[in-house]
C-alpha cells in the first residue's frame, strides 16, 4: 500500500478530523482513509451509530410483545432469592 502525507493543513481541519474520528471510534489516520475512500469511490459505509440504532430497532421489533419482566419485578425476584439463600429457603 502507498503512503500519503498531507502537509500545511489548518489546525481547525486537523481538530475536526480528530473529533470526527473519535466520534466514530477510529484513529485520525483511519478516519482520513475512510474519508478519502468514501469521496473517491462514492461508497458510504453506515456510521457505527446508525448501524447500532438499526440493530437495536430490529431487536425491539423481534422481541416486541414478549411480555418482559419489569425492572421492579426483576429486583423483587433477586431480593427474594437472596432472602431465601440467607434463611435456607424457609422464607422466615
Foldseek 3Di string as FASTA:
>chain_A
DDDDDDDDDDPVVLVVLCVVQVVQVHHSVVSVVQVVCCVVVVDHDDGPVVVVVVVVVVVCVVCPPVPDDDPVVVVVVVVQVVVCVVVVNPSD
